PDB file of N, CA and C in Angstrom:
ATOM      1  N   MET A   1      62.144  38.834  16.683  1.00  0.00           N
ATOM      2  CA  MET A   1      61.740  40.213  16.558  1.00  0.00           C
ATOM      3  C   MET A   1      60.313  40.275  16.042  1.00  0.00           C
ATOM      4  N   LYS A   2      59.497  41.093  16.662  1.00  0.00           N
ATOM      5  CA  LYS A   2      58.126  41.275  16.208  1.00  0.00           C
ATOM      6  C   LYS A   2      58.065  42.409  15.213  1.00  0.00           C
ATOM      7  N   MET A   3      57.397  42.161  14.097  1.00  0.00           N
ATOM      8  CA  MET A   3      57.268  43.197  13.070  1.00  0.00           C
ATOM      9  C   MET A   3      56.187  44.202  13.436  1.00  0.00           C
ATOM     10  N   PHE A   4      55.076  43.682  13.919  1.00  0.00           N
ATOM     11  CA  PHE A   4      53.925  44.516  14.215  1.00  0.00           C
ATOM     12  C   PHE A   4      53.597  44.339  15.693  1.00  0.00           C
ATOM     13  N   VAL A   5      53.526  45.423  16.420  1.00  0.00           N
ATOM     14  CA  VAL A   5      53.314  45.334  17.860  1.00  0.00           C
ATOM     15  C   VAL A   5      51.820  45.343  18.153  1.00  0.00           C
ATOM     16  N   GLU A   6      51.301  44.191  18.530  1.00  0.00           N
ATOM     17  CA  GLU A   6      49.917  43.994  18.942  1.00  0.00           C
ATOM     18  C   GLU A   6      48.909  44.776  18.109  1.00  0.00           C
ATOM     19  N   PRO A   7      48.721  44.399  16.856  1.00  0.00           N
ATOM     20  CA  PRO A   7      47.706  45.081  16.056  1.00  0.00           C
ATOM     21  C   PRO A   7      46.315  44.775  16.615  1.00  0.00           C
ATOM     22  N   PRO A   8      45.385  45.741  16.536  1.00  0.00           N
ATOM     23  CA  PRO A   8      44.048  45.490  17.064  1.00  0.00           C
ATOM     24  C   PRO A   8      43.311  44.387  16.315  1.00  0.00           C
ATOM     25  N   ALA A   9      43.639  44.178  15.041  1.00  0.00           N
ATOM     26  CA  ALA A   9      43.014  43.117  14.244  1.00  0.00           C
ATOM     27  C   ALA A   9      43.889  42.864  13.016  1.00  0.00           C
ATOM     28  N   ILE A  10      43.699  41.684  12.429  1.00  0.00           N
ATOM     29  CA  ILE A  10      44.406  41.324  11.203  1.00  0.00           C
ATOM     30  C   ILE A  10      43.349  40.832  10.225  1.00  0.00           C
ATOM     31  N   TYR A  11      43.213  41.543   9.109  1.00  0.00           N
ATOM     32  CA  TYR A  11      42.211  41.209   8.106  1.00  0.00           C
ATOM     33  C   TYR A  11      42.897  40.758   6.831  1.00  0.00           C
ATOM     34  N   LEU A  12      42.439  39.648   6.280  1.00  0.00           N
ATOM     35  CA  LEU A  12      42.997  39.108   5.068  1.00  0.00           C
ATOM     36  C   LEU A  12      41.972  39.273   3.946  1.00  0.00           C
ATOM     37  N   HIS A  13      42.362  39.902   2.870  1.00  0.00           N
ATOM     38  CA  HIS A  13      41.531  40.045   1.678  1.00  0.00           C
ATOM     39  C   HIS A  13      41.749  38.788   0.846  1.00  0.00           C
ATOM     40  N   LYS A  14      40.699  37.989   0.651  1.00  0.00           N
ATOM     41  CA  LYS A  14      40.880  36.668   0.044  1.00  0.00           C
ATOM     42  C   LYS A  14      41.213  36.705  -1.438  1.00  0.00           C
ATOM     43  N   GLN A  15      40.650  37.639  -2.182  1.00  0.00           N
ATOM     44  CA  GLN A  15      40.883  37.694  -3.615  1.00  0.00           C
ATOM     45  C   GLN A  15      42.242  38.320  -3.912  1.00  0.00           C
ATOM     46  N   PRO A  16      42.945  37.842  -4.922  1.00  0.00           N
ATOM     47  CA  PRO A  16      44.226  38.465  -5.279  1.00  0.00           C
ATOM     48  C   PRO A  16      44.002  39.903  -5.750  1.00  0.00           C
ATOM     49  N   VAL A  17      45.018  40.734  -5.565  1.00  0.00           N
ATOM     50  CA  VAL A  17      44.948  42.122  -6.005  1.00  0.00           C
ATOM     51  C   VAL A  17      46.096  42.409  -6.971  1.00  0.00           C
ATOM     52  N   ASP A  18      45.924  43.444  -7.749  1.00  0.00           N
ATOM     53  CA  ASP A  18      46.940  43.923  -8.673  1.00  0.00           C
ATOM     54  C   ASP A  18      48.068  44.525  -7.832  1.00  0.00           C
ATOM     55  N   PHE A  19      49.260  43.951  -7.903  1.00  0.00           N
ATOM     56  CA  PHE A  19      50.350  44.411  -7.047  1.00  0.00           C
ATOM     57  C   PHE A  19      51.018  45.684  -7.531  1.00  0.00           C
ATOM     58  N   ARG A  20      50.483  46.280  -8.582  1.00  0.00           N
ATOM     59  CA  ARG A  20      50.913  47.630  -8.926  1.00  0.00           C
ATOM     60  C   ARG A  20      50.288  48.638  -7.976  1.00  0.00           C
ATOM     61  N   LYS A  21      49.224  48.199  -7.262  1.00  0.00           N
ATOM     62  CA  LYS A  21      48.587  49.085  -6.284  1.00  0.00           C
ATOM     63  C   LYS A  21      49.529  49.303  -5.109  1.00  0.00           C
ATOM     64  N   SER A  22      49.545  50.519  -4.631  1.00  0.00           N
ATOM     65  CA  SER A  22      50.352  50.858  -3.468  1.00  0.00           C
ATOM     66  C   SER A  22      49.415  51.322  -2.358  1.00  0.00           C
ATOM     67  N   ILE A  23      49.853  52.222  -1.524  1.00  0.00           N
ATOM     68  CA  ILE A  23      49.088  52.633  -0.352  1.00  0.00           C
ATOM     69  C   ILE A  23      47.703  53.158  -0.720  1.00  0.00           C
ATOM     70  N   ASN A  24      47.629  54.083  -1.670  1.00  0.00           N
ATOM     71  CA  ASN A  24      46.333  54.660  -2.012  1.00  0.00           C
ATOM     72  C   ASN A  24      45.371  53.628  -2.583  1.00  0.00           C
ATOM     73  N   GLY A  25      45.840  52.812  -3.516  1.00  0.00           N
ATOM     74  CA  GLY A  25      44.980  51.801  -4.117  1.00  0.00           C
ATOM     75  C   GLY A  25      44.519  50.747  -3.134  1.00  0.00           C
ATOM     76  N   LEU A  26      45.415  50.309  -2.244  1.00  0.00           N
ATOM     77  CA  LEU A  26      45.046  49.307  -1.244  1.00  0.00           C
ATOM     78  C   LEU A  26      44.098  49.884  -0.199  1.00  0.00           C
ATOM     79  N   SER A  27      44.288  51.156   0.164  1.00  0.00           N
ATOM     80  CA  SER A  27      43.375  51.754   1.149  1.00  0.00           C
ATOM     81  C   SER A  27      41.966  51.911   0.563  1.00  0.00           C
ATOM     82  N   VAL A  28      41.859  52.107  -0.751  1.00  0.00           N
ATOM     83  CA  VAL A  28      40.538  52.137  -1.388  1.00  0.00           C
ATOM     84  C   VAL A  28      39.880  50.763  -1.278  1.00  0.00           C
ATOM     85  N   ILE A  29      40.634  49.695  -1.491  1.00  0.00           N
ATOM     86  CA  ILE A  29      40.090  48.343  -1.338  1.00  0.00           C
ATOM     87  C   ILE A  29      39.608  48.121   0.090  1.00  0.00           C
ATOM     88  N   VAL A  30      40.400  48.556   1.072  1.00  0.00           N
ATOM     89  CA  VAL A  30      40.015  48.399   2.480  1.00  0.00           C
ATOM     90  C   VAL A  30      38.692  49.121   2.746  1.00  0.00           C
ATOM     91  N   GLU A  31      38.600  50.363   2.311  1.00  0.00           N
ATOM     92  CA  GLU A  31      37.416  51.173   2.606  1.00  0.00           C
ATOM     93  C   GLU A  31      36.190  50.713   1.812  1.00  0.00           C
ATOM     94  N   GLU A  32      36.338  50.476   0.514  1.00  0.00           N
ATOM     95  CA  GLU A  32      35.184  50.220  -0.340  1.00  0.00           C
ATOM     96  C   GLU A  32      34.804  48.746  -0.439  1.00  0.00           C
ATOM     97  N   HIS A  33      35.771  47.847  -0.568  1.00  0.00           N
ATOM     98  CA  HIS A  33      35.457  46.431  -0.742  1.00  0.00           C
ATOM     99  C   HIS A  33      35.367  45.683   0.581  1.00  0.00           C
ATOM    100  N   MET A  34      36.289  46.009   1.494  1.00  0.00           N
ATOM    101  CA  MET A  34      36.289  45.311   2.776  1.00  0.00           C
ATOM    102  C   MET A  34      35.361  45.981   3.784  1.00  0.00           C
ATOM    103  N   GLN A  35      34.936  47.214   3.487  1.00  0.00           N
ATOM    104  CA  GLN A  35      34.036  47.978   4.356  1.00  0.00           C
ATOM    105  C   GLN A  35      34.627  48.165   5.754  1.00  0.00           C
ATOM    106  N   LEU A  36      35.932  48.476   5.799  1.00  0.00           N
ATOM    107  CA  LEU A  36      36.628  48.691   7.068  1.00  0.00           C
ATOM    108  C   LEU A  36      37.364  50.020   7.004  1.00  0.00           C
ATOM    109  N   SER A  37      37.744  50.532   8.162  1.00  0.00           N
ATOM    110  CA  SER A  37      38.496  51.780   8.213  1.00  0.00           C
ATOM    111  C   SER A  37      39.985  51.493   8.109  1.00  0.00           C
ATOM    112  N   SER A  38      40.631  52.095   7.126  1.00  0.00           N
ATOM    113  CA  SER A  38      42.066  51.875   6.965  1.00  0.00           C
ATOM    114  C   SER A  38      42.878  52.602   8.038  1.00  0.00           C
ATOM    115  N   PHE A  39      42.227  53.448   8.848  1.00  0.00           N
ATOM    116  CA  PHE A  39      42.901  54.198   9.913  1.00  0.00           C
ATOM    117  C   PHE A  39      42.796  53.510  11.281  1.00  0.00           C
ATOM    118  N   SER A  40      42.335  52.271  11.316  1.00  0.00           N
ATOM    119  CA  SER A  40      42.085  51.581  12.581  1.00  0.00           C
ATOM    120  C   SER A  40      43.350  51.059  13.256  1.00  0.00           C
ATOM    121  N   GLY A  41      44.453  50.992  12.536  1.00  0.00           N
ATOM    122  CA  GLY A  41      45.668  50.392  13.085  1.00  0.00           C
ATOM    123  C   GLY A  41      45.756  48.901  12.825  1.00  0.00           C
ATOM    124  N   ALA A  42      44.690  48.332  12.253  1.00  0.00           N
ATOM    125  CA  ALA A  42      44.680  46.905  11.920  1.00  0.00           C
ATOM    126  C   ALA A  42      45.617  46.643  10.748  1.00  0.00           C
ATOM    127  N   LEU A  43      46.021  45.384  10.622  1.00  0.00           N
ATOM    128  CA  LEU A  43      46.811  44.960   9.469  1.00  0.00           C
ATOM    129  C   LEU A  43      45.855  44.474   8.394  1.00  0.00           C
ATOM    130  N   PHE A  44      46.061  44.920   7.163  1.00  0.00           N
ATOM    131  CA  PHE A  44      45.259  44.498   6.027  1.00  0.00           C
ATOM    132  C   PHE A  44      46.194  43.761   5.072  1.00  0.00           C
ATOM    133  N   VAL A  45      45.932  42.461   4.874  1.00  0.00           N
ATOM    134  CA  VAL A  45      46.849  41.576   4.166  1.00  0.00           C
ATOM    135  C   VAL A  45      46.281  41.256   2.780  1.00  0.00           C
ATOM    136  N   PHE A  46      47.141  41.387   1.768  1.00  0.00           N
ATOM    137  CA  PHE A  46      46.764  41.151   0.378  1.00  0.00           C
ATOM    138  C   PHE A  46      47.792  40.233  -0.273  1.00  0.00           C
ATOM    139  N   CYS A  47      47.364  39.454  -1.282  1.00  0.00           N
ATOM    140  CA  CYS A  47      48.308  38.642  -2.045  1.00  0.00           C
ATOM    141  C   CYS A  47      48.124  38.897  -3.534  1.00  0.00           C
ATOM    142  N   ASN A  48      49.146  38.503  -4.305  1.00  0.00           N
ATOM    143  CA  ASN A  48      49.043  38.591  -5.751  1.00  0.00           C
ATOM    144  C   ASN A  48      48.445  37.294  -6.298  1.00  0.00           C
ATOM    145  N   ARG A  49      48.176  37.266  -7.592  1.00  0.00           N
ATOM    146  CA  ARG A  49      47.530  36.112  -8.219  1.00  0.00           C
ATOM    147  C   ARG A  49      48.393  34.840  -8.102  1.00  0.00           C
ATOM    148  N   GLN A  50      49.706  34.968  -8.176  1.00  0.00           N
ATOM    149  CA  GLN A  50      50.594  33.796  -8.089  1.00  0.00           C
ATOM    150  C   GLN A  50      50.809  33.320  -6.657  1.00  0.00           C
ATOM    151  N   ARG A  51      50.363  34.089  -5.680  1.00  0.00           N
ATOM    152  CA  ARG A  51      50.475  33.783  -4.251  1.00  0.00           C
ATOM    153  C   ARG A  51      51.929  33.658  -3.791  1.00  0.00           C
ATOM    154  N   ASP A  52      52.843  34.350  -4.460  1.00  0.00           N
ATOM    155  CA  ASP A  52      54.232  34.338  -4.006  1.00  0.00           C
ATOM    156  C   ASP A  52      54.636  35.674  -3.384  1.00  0.00           C
ATOM    157  N   LYS A  53      53.692  36.604  -3.306  1.00  0.00           N
ATOM    158  CA  LYS A  53      53.954  37.914  -2.697  1.00  0.00           C
ATOM    159  C   LYS A  53      52.768  38.319  -1.836  1.00  0.00           C
ATOM    160  N   ILE A  54      53.072  39.000  -0.736  1.00  0.00           N
ATOM    161  CA  ILE A  54      52.012  39.604   0.067  1.00  0.00           C
ATOM    162  C   ILE A  54      52.395  41.044   0.374  1.00  0.00           C
ATOM    163  N   LYS A  55      51.358  41.850   0.547  1.00  0.00           N
ATOM    164  CA  LYS A  55      51.523  43.223   1.011  1.00  0.00           C
ATOM    165  C   LYS A  55      50.629  43.388   2.230  1.00  0.00           C
ATOM    166  N   VAL A  56      51.119  44.163   3.186  1.00  0.00           N
ATOM    167  CA  VAL A  56      50.364  44.459   4.396  1.00  0.00           C
ATOM    168  C   VAL A  56      50.307  45.968   4.546  1.00  0.00           C
ATOM    169  N   LEU A  57      49.104  46.486   4.628  1.00  0.00           N
ATOM    170  CA  LEU A  57      48.884  47.920   4.807  1.00  0.00           C
ATOM    171  C   LEU A  57      48.432  48.159   6.241  1.00  0.00           C
ATOM    172  N   TYR A  58      48.975  49.190   6.877  1.00  0.00           N
ATOM    173  CA  TYR A  58      48.493  49.560   8.209  1.00  0.00           C
ATOM    174  C   TYR A  58      48.802  51.024   8.490  1.00  0.00           C
ATOM    175  N   TRP A  59      48.035  51.594   9.405  1.00  0.00           N
ATOM    176  CA  TRP A  59      48.177  52.976   9.845  1.00  0.00           C
ATOM    177  C   TRP A  59      48.878  52.950  11.189  1.00  0.00           C
ATOM    178  N   ASP A  60      49.968  53.722  11.347  1.00  0.00           N
ATOM    179  CA  ASP A  60      50.726  53.680  12.605  1.00  0.00           C
ATOM    180  C   ASP A  60      50.623  54.972  13.415  1.00  0.00           C
ATOM    181  N   GLN A  61      49.534  55.676  13.295  1.00  0.00           N
ATOM    182  CA  GLN A  61      49.237  56.917  14.022  1.00  0.00           C
ATOM    183  C   GLN A  61      49.856  58.152  13.382  1.00  0.00           C
ATOM    184  N   THR A  62      50.872  57.984  12.537  1.00  0.00           N
ATOM    185  CA  THR A  62      51.482  59.154  11.888  1.00  0.00           C
ATOM    186  C   THR A  62      51.419  59.060  10.372  1.00  0.00           C
ATOM    187  N   GLY A  63      51.097  57.897   9.860  1.00  0.00           N
ATOM    188  CA  GLY A  63      51.022  57.707   8.414  1.00  0.00           C
ATOM    189  C   GLY A  63      50.825  56.246   8.077  1.00  0.00           C
ATOM    190  N   PHE A  64      50.607  55.988   6.800  1.00  0.00           N
ATOM    191  CA  PHE A  64      50.433  54.611   6.344  1.00  0.00           C
ATOM    192  C   PHE A  64      51.782  53.942   6.167  1.00  0.00           C
ATOM    193  N   CYS A  65      51.811  52.640   6.454  1.00  0.00           N
ATOM    194  CA  CYS A  65      52.989  51.812   6.238  1.00  0.00           C
ATOM    195  C   CYS A  65      52.586  50.685   5.291  1.00  0.00           C
ATOM    196  N   LEU A  66      53.519  50.287   4.461  1.00  0.00           N
ATOM    197  CA  LEU A  66      53.277  49.190   3.534  1.00  0.00           C
ATOM    198  C   LEU A  66      54.431  48.207   3.664  1.00  0.00           C
ATOM    199  N   TRP A  67      54.104  47.006   4.077  1.00  0.00           N
ATOM    200  CA  TRP A  67      55.084  45.938   4.263  1.00  0.00           C
ATOM    201  C   TRP A  67      54.920  44.958   3.119  1.00  0.00           C
ATOM    202  N   TYR A  68      56.021  44.420   2.607  1.00  0.00           N
ATOM    203  CA  TYR A  68      56.000  43.590   1.411  1.00  0.00           C
ATOM    204  C   TYR A  68      56.904  42.378   1.620  1.00  0.00           C
ATOM    205  N   LYS A  69      56.408  41.208   1.208  1.00  0.00           N
ATOM    206  CA  LYS A  69      57.241  40.009   1.273  1.00  0.00           C
ATOM    207  C   LYS A  69      57.104  39.242  -0.032  1.00  0.00           C
ATOM    208  N   ARG A  70      58.245  38.809  -0.573  1.00  0.00           N
ATOM    209  CA  ARG A  70      58.281  38.019  -1.799  1.00  0.00           C
ATOM    210  C   ARG A  70      58.967  36.697  -1.494  1.00  0.00           C
ATOM    211  N   LEU A  71      58.295  35.595  -1.814  1.00  0.00           N
ATOM    212  CA  LEU A  71      58.898  34.278  -1.673  1.00  0.00           C
ATOM    213  C   LEU A  71      59.674  33.956  -2.939  1.00  0.00           C
ATOM    214  N   GLU A  72      60.822  33.362  -2.789  1.00  0.00           N
ATOM    215  CA  GLU A  72      61.671  33.056  -3.937  1.00  0.00           C
ATOM    216  C   GLU A  72      61.349  31.714  -4.585  1.00  0.00           C
ATOM    217  N   LYS A  73      60.886  30.719  -3.795  1.00  0.00           N
ATOM    218  CA  LYS A  73      60.673  29.393  -4.370  1.00  0.00           C
ATOM    219  C   LYS A  73      59.308  28.785  -4.059  1.00  0.00           C
ATOM    220  N   ASP A  74      58.543  29.369  -3.194  1.00  0.00           N
ATOM    221  CA  ASP A  74      57.317  28.722  -2.729  1.00  0.00           C
ATOM    222  C   ASP A  74      56.131  29.645  -2.936  1.00  0.00           C
ATOM    223  N   LYS A  75      54.977  29.229  -2.443  1.00  0.00           N
ATOM    224  CA  LYS A  75      53.753  30.028  -2.501  1.00  0.00           C
ATOM    225  C   LYS A  75      53.143  30.086  -1.108  1.00  0.00           C
ATOM    226  N   PHE A  76      52.438  31.166  -0.824  1.00  0.00           N
ATOM    227  CA  PHE A  76      51.706  31.258   0.425  1.00  0.00           C
ATOM    228  C   PHE A  76      50.487  30.348   0.341  1.00  0.00           C
ATOM    229  N   LYS A  77      50.162  29.680   1.441  1.00  0.00           N
ATOM    230  CA  LYS A  77      48.985  28.817   1.522  1.00  0.00           C
ATOM    231  C   LYS A  77      47.781  29.723   1.790  1.00  0.00           C
ATOM    232  N   TRP A  78      47.252  30.297   0.722  1.00  0.00           N
ATOM    233  CA  TRP A  78      46.190  31.294   0.839  1.00  0.00           C
ATOM    234  C   TRP A  78      44.862  30.598   1.054  1.00  0.00           C
ATOM    235  N   PRO A  79      44.102  30.977   2.084  1.00  0.00           N
ATOM    236  CA  PRO A  79      42.824  30.306   2.396  1.00  0.00           C
ATOM    237  C   PRO A  79      41.732  30.711   1.399  1.00  0.00           C
ATOM    238  N   LYS A  80      41.498  29.880   0.402  1.00  0.00           N
ATOM    239  CA  LYS A  80      40.509  30.191  -0.623  1.00  0.00           C
ATOM    240  C   LYS A  80      39.143  29.570  -0.326  1.00  0.00           C
ATOM    241  N   LYS A  81      39.126  28.460   0.400  1.00  0.00           N
ATOM    242  CA  LYS A  81      37.878  27.725   0.603  1.00  0.00           C
ATOM    243  C   LYS A  81      37.033  28.246   1.766  1.00  0.00           C
ATOM    244  N   LEU A  82      37.608  29.048   2.635  1.00  0.00           N
ATOM    245  CA  LEU A  82      36.834  29.583   3.758  1.00  0.00           C
ATOM    246  C   LEU A  82      35.837  30.600   3.239  1.00  0.00           C
ATOM    247  N   SER A  83      34.673  30.689   3.868  1.00  0.00           N
ATOM    248  CA  SER A  83      33.611  31.565   3.371  1.00  0.00           C
ATOM    249  C   SER A  83      33.920  33.033   3.651  1.00  0.00           C
ATOM    250  N   GLY A  84      33.337  33.887   2.831  1.00  0.00           N
ATOM    251  CA  GLY A  84      33.484  35.327   3.006  1.00  0.00           C
ATOM    252  C   GLY A  84      34.595  35.901   2.148  1.00  0.00           C
ATOM    253  N   GLU A  85      34.528  37.199   1.929  1.00  0.00           N
ATOM    254  CA  GLU A  85      35.544  37.913   1.145  1.00  0.00           C
ATOM    255  C   GLU A  85      36.721  38.342   2.006  1.00  0.00           C
ATOM    256  N   VAL A  86      36.449  38.544   3.297  1.00  0.00           N
ATOM    257  CA  VAL A  86      37.463  39.024   4.238  1.00  0.00           C
ATOM    258  C   VAL A  86      37.527  38.052   5.403  1.00  0.00           C
ATOM    259  N   LEU A  87      38.732  37.671   5.790  1.00  0.00           N
ATOM    260  CA  LEU A  87      38.915  36.804   6.950  1.00  0.00           C
ATOM    261  C   LEU A  87      39.595  37.588   8.060  1.00  0.00           C
ATOM    262  N   THR A  88      39.189  37.336   9.273  1.00  0.00           N
ATOM    263  CA  THR A  88      39.861  37.897  10.430  1.00  0.00           C
ATOM    264  C   THR A  88      40.793  36.823  10.966  1.00  0.00           C
ATOM    265  N   LEU A  89      42.072  37.144  11.029  1.00  0.00           N
ATOM    266  CA  LEU A  89      43.065  36.186  11.487  1.00  0.00           C
ATOM    267  C   LEU A  89      43.485  36.480  12.910  1.00  0.00           C
ATOM    268  N   SER A  90      43.796  35.431  13.641  1.00  0.00           N
ATOM    269  CA  SER A  90      44.446  35.604  14.942  1.00  0.00           C
ATOM    270  C   SER A  90      45.927  35.859  14.676  1.00  0.00           C
ATOM    271  N   GLU A  91      46.628  36.328  15.678  1.00  0.00           N
ATOM    272  CA  GLU A  91      48.066  36.543  15.508  1.00  0.00           C
ATOM    273  C   GLU A  91      48.782  35.229  15.215  1.00  0.00           C
ATOM    274  N   ARG A  92      48.303  34.167  15.821  1.00  0.00           N
ATOM    275  CA  ARG A  92      48.878  32.840  15.600  1.00  0.00           C
ATOM    276  C   ARG A  92      48.689  32.421  14.138  1.00  0.00           C
ATOM    277  N   GLN A  93      47.470  32.609  13.591  1.00  0.00           N
ATOM    278  CA  GLN A  93      47.210  32.276  12.185  1.00  0.00           C
ATOM    279  C   GLN A  93      48.065  33.122  11.243  1.00  0.00           C
ATOM    280  N   TRP A  94      48.248  34.395  11.595  1.00  0.00           N
ATOM    281  CA  TRP A  94      49.081  35.289  10.795  1.00  0.00           C
ATOM    282  C   TRP A  94      50.512  34.745  10.709  1.00  0.00           C
ATOM    283  N   HIS A  95      51.052  34.307  11.838  1.00  0.00           N
ATOM    284  CA  HIS A  95      52.408  33.753  11.850  1.00  0.00           C
ATOM    285  C   HIS A  95      52.465  32.436  11.076  1.00  0.00           C
ATOM    286  N   TRP A  96      51.414  31.609  11.197  1.00  0.00           N
ATOM    287  CA  TRP A  96      51.352  30.375  10.430  1.00  0.00           C
ATOM    288  C   TRP A  96      51.396  30.678   8.933  1.00  0.00           C
ATOM    289  N   LEU A  97      50.620  31.662   8.503  1.00  0.00           N
ATOM    290  CA  LEU A  97      50.589  32.041   7.092  1.00  0.00           C
ATOM    291  C   LEU A  97      51.975  32.462   6.607  1.00  0.00           C
ATOM    292  N   LEU A  98      52.644  33.289   7.398  1.00  0.00           N
ATOM    293  CA  LEU A  98      53.989  33.741   7.022  1.00  0.00           C
ATOM    294  C   LEU A  98      54.999  32.598   6.989  1.00  0.00           C
ATOM    295  N   GLU A  99      54.794  31.594   7.836  1.00  0.00           N
ATOM    296  CA  GLU A  99      55.712  30.449   7.902  1.00  0.00           C
ATOM    297  C   GLU A  99      55.415  29.399   6.838  1.00  0.00           C
ATOM    298  N   GLY A 100      54.340  29.591   6.063  1.00  0.00           N
ATOM    299  CA  GLY A 100      54.018  28.651   4.999  1.00  0.00           C
ATOM    300  C   GLY A 100      53.047  27.559   5.389  1.00  0.00           C
ATOM    301  N   LEU A 101      52.430  27.682   6.545  1.00  0.00           N
ATOM    302  CA  LEU A 101      51.472  26.670   6.988  1.00  0.00           C
ATOM    303  C   LEU A 101      50.073  27.015   6.481  1.00  0.00           C
ATOM    304  N   ASP A 102      49.253  25.992   6.298  1.00  0.00           N
ATOM    305  CA  ASP A 102      47.889  26.168   5.804  1.00  0.00           C
ATOM    306  C   ASP A 102      46.976  26.451   6.987  1.00  0.00           C
ATOM    307  N   ILE A 103      46.475  27.688   7.088  1.00  0.00           N
ATOM    308  CA  ILE A 103      45.657  28.054   8.252  1.00  0.00           C
ATOM    309  C   ILE A 103      44.296  27.373   8.229  1.00  0.00           C
ATOM    310  N   GLN A 104      43.862  26.844   7.078  1.00  0.00           N
ATOM    311  CA  GLN A 104      42.600  26.112   7.018  1.00  0.00           C
ATOM    312  C   GLN A 104      42.709  24.768   7.718  1.00  0.00           C
ATOM    313  N   LYS A 105      43.905  24.193   7.716  1.00  0.00           N
ATOM    314  CA  LYS A 105      44.108  22.864   8.297  1.00  0.00           C
ATOM    315  C   LYS A 105      44.634  22.921   9.725  1.00  0.00           C
ATOM    316  N   MET A 106      45.212  24.054  10.100  1.00  0.00           N
ATOM    317  CA  MET A 106      45.800  24.170  11.437  1.00  0.00           C
ATOM    318  C   MET A 106      44.720  24.566  12.435  1.00  0.00           C
ATOM    319  N   THR A 107      44.527  23.742  13.426  1.00  0.00           N
ATOM    320  CA  THR A 107      43.598  24.081  14.502  1.00  0.00           C
ATOM    321  C   THR A 107      44.231  23.666  15.819  1.00  0.00           C
ATOM    322  N   GLY A 108      44.051  24.477  16.801  1.00  0.00           N
ATOM    323  CA  GLY A 108      44.565  24.162  18.132  1.00  0.00           C
ATOM    324  C   GLY A 108      43.505  23.451  18.955  1.00  0.00           C
ATOM    325  N   HIS A 109      43.848  23.184  20.185  1.00  0.00           N
ATOM    326  CA  HIS A 109      42.875  22.598  21.106  1.00  0.00           C
ATOM    327  C   HIS A 109      41.775  23.607  21.379  1.00  0.00           C
ATOM    328  N   GLN A 110      40.564  23.116  21.480  1.00  0.00           N
ATOM    329  CA  GLN A 110      39.438  23.993  21.766  1.00  0.00           C
ATOM    330  C   GLN A 110      39.451  24.368  23.245  1.00  0.00           C
ATOM    331  N   PRO A 111      39.251  25.649  23.566  1.00  0.00           N
ATOM    332  CA  PRO A 111      39.211  26.046  24.971  1.00  0.00           C
ATOM    333  C   PRO A 111      38.019  25.425  25.694  1.00  0.00           C
ATOM    334  N   LEU A 112      38.245  25.054  26.931  1.00  0.00           N
ATOM    335  CA  LEU A 112      37.189  24.470  27.762  1.00  0.00           C
ATOM    336  C   LEU A 112      36.881  25.403  28.910  1.00  0.00           C
ATOM    337  N   GLN A 113      35.632  25.388  29.339  1.00  0.00           N
ATOM    338  CA  GLN A 113      35.251  26.195  30.504  1.00  0.00           C
ATOM    339  C   GLN A 113      34.521  25.286  31.493  1.00  0.00           C
ATOM    340  N   PHE A 114      35.009  25.286  32.726  1.00  0.00           N
ATOM    341  CA  PHE A 114      34.419  24.456  33.768  1.00  0.00           C
ATOM    342  C   PHE A 114      33.953  25.353  34.902  1.00  0.00           C
ATOM    343  N   GLU A 115      32.970  24.872  35.620  1.00  0.00           N
ATOM    344  CA  GLU A 115      32.451  25.585  36.783  1.00  0.00           C
ATOM    345  C   GLU A 115      33.185  25.176  38.067  1.00  0.00           C
ATOM    346  N   ALA A 116      33.582  23.898  38.109  1.00  0.00           N
ATOM    347  CA  ALA A 116      34.268  23.396  39.295  1.00  0.00           C
ATOM    348  C   ALA A 116      35.243  22.301  38.886  1.00  0.00           C
ATOM    349  N   THR A 117      36.148  21.925  39.831  1.00  0.00           N
ATOM    350  CA  THR A 117      37.162  20.922  39.534  1.00  0.00           C
ATOM    351  C   THR A 117      36.912  19.603  40.248  1.00  0.00           C
ATOM    352  N   TYR A 118      35.705  19.204  40.475  1.00  0.00           N
ATOM    353  CA  TYR A 118      35.435  17.941  41.192  1.00  0.00           C
ATOM    354  C   TYR A 118      35.087  16.830  40.298  1.00  0.00           C
TER     355      TYR A 118
END
């Protein structure tokens, strides 16, 4: 089952946030710190300091939605070493993150472009 149907983009806020923040507080972070529109339909992903919880904020054309996941025994492999305050994730990287894989270490085959097959 797919949770989010083809979001236009997935943005990860690298710094931990205070998880007492809800829709209004997270949308302020999106607008002011991430410099993005919270009404874009994109997924905005946040984690707590312990990295055992994530929240995802998104606009679904009729209102804001807030999705929450808490791990009981593990931690999310949060990408801290990548440059920038905000990361743009592919859908594949998003699923890797949810599955507990380290998106900094996971890389697929590089796409190739050829002019001819001779």
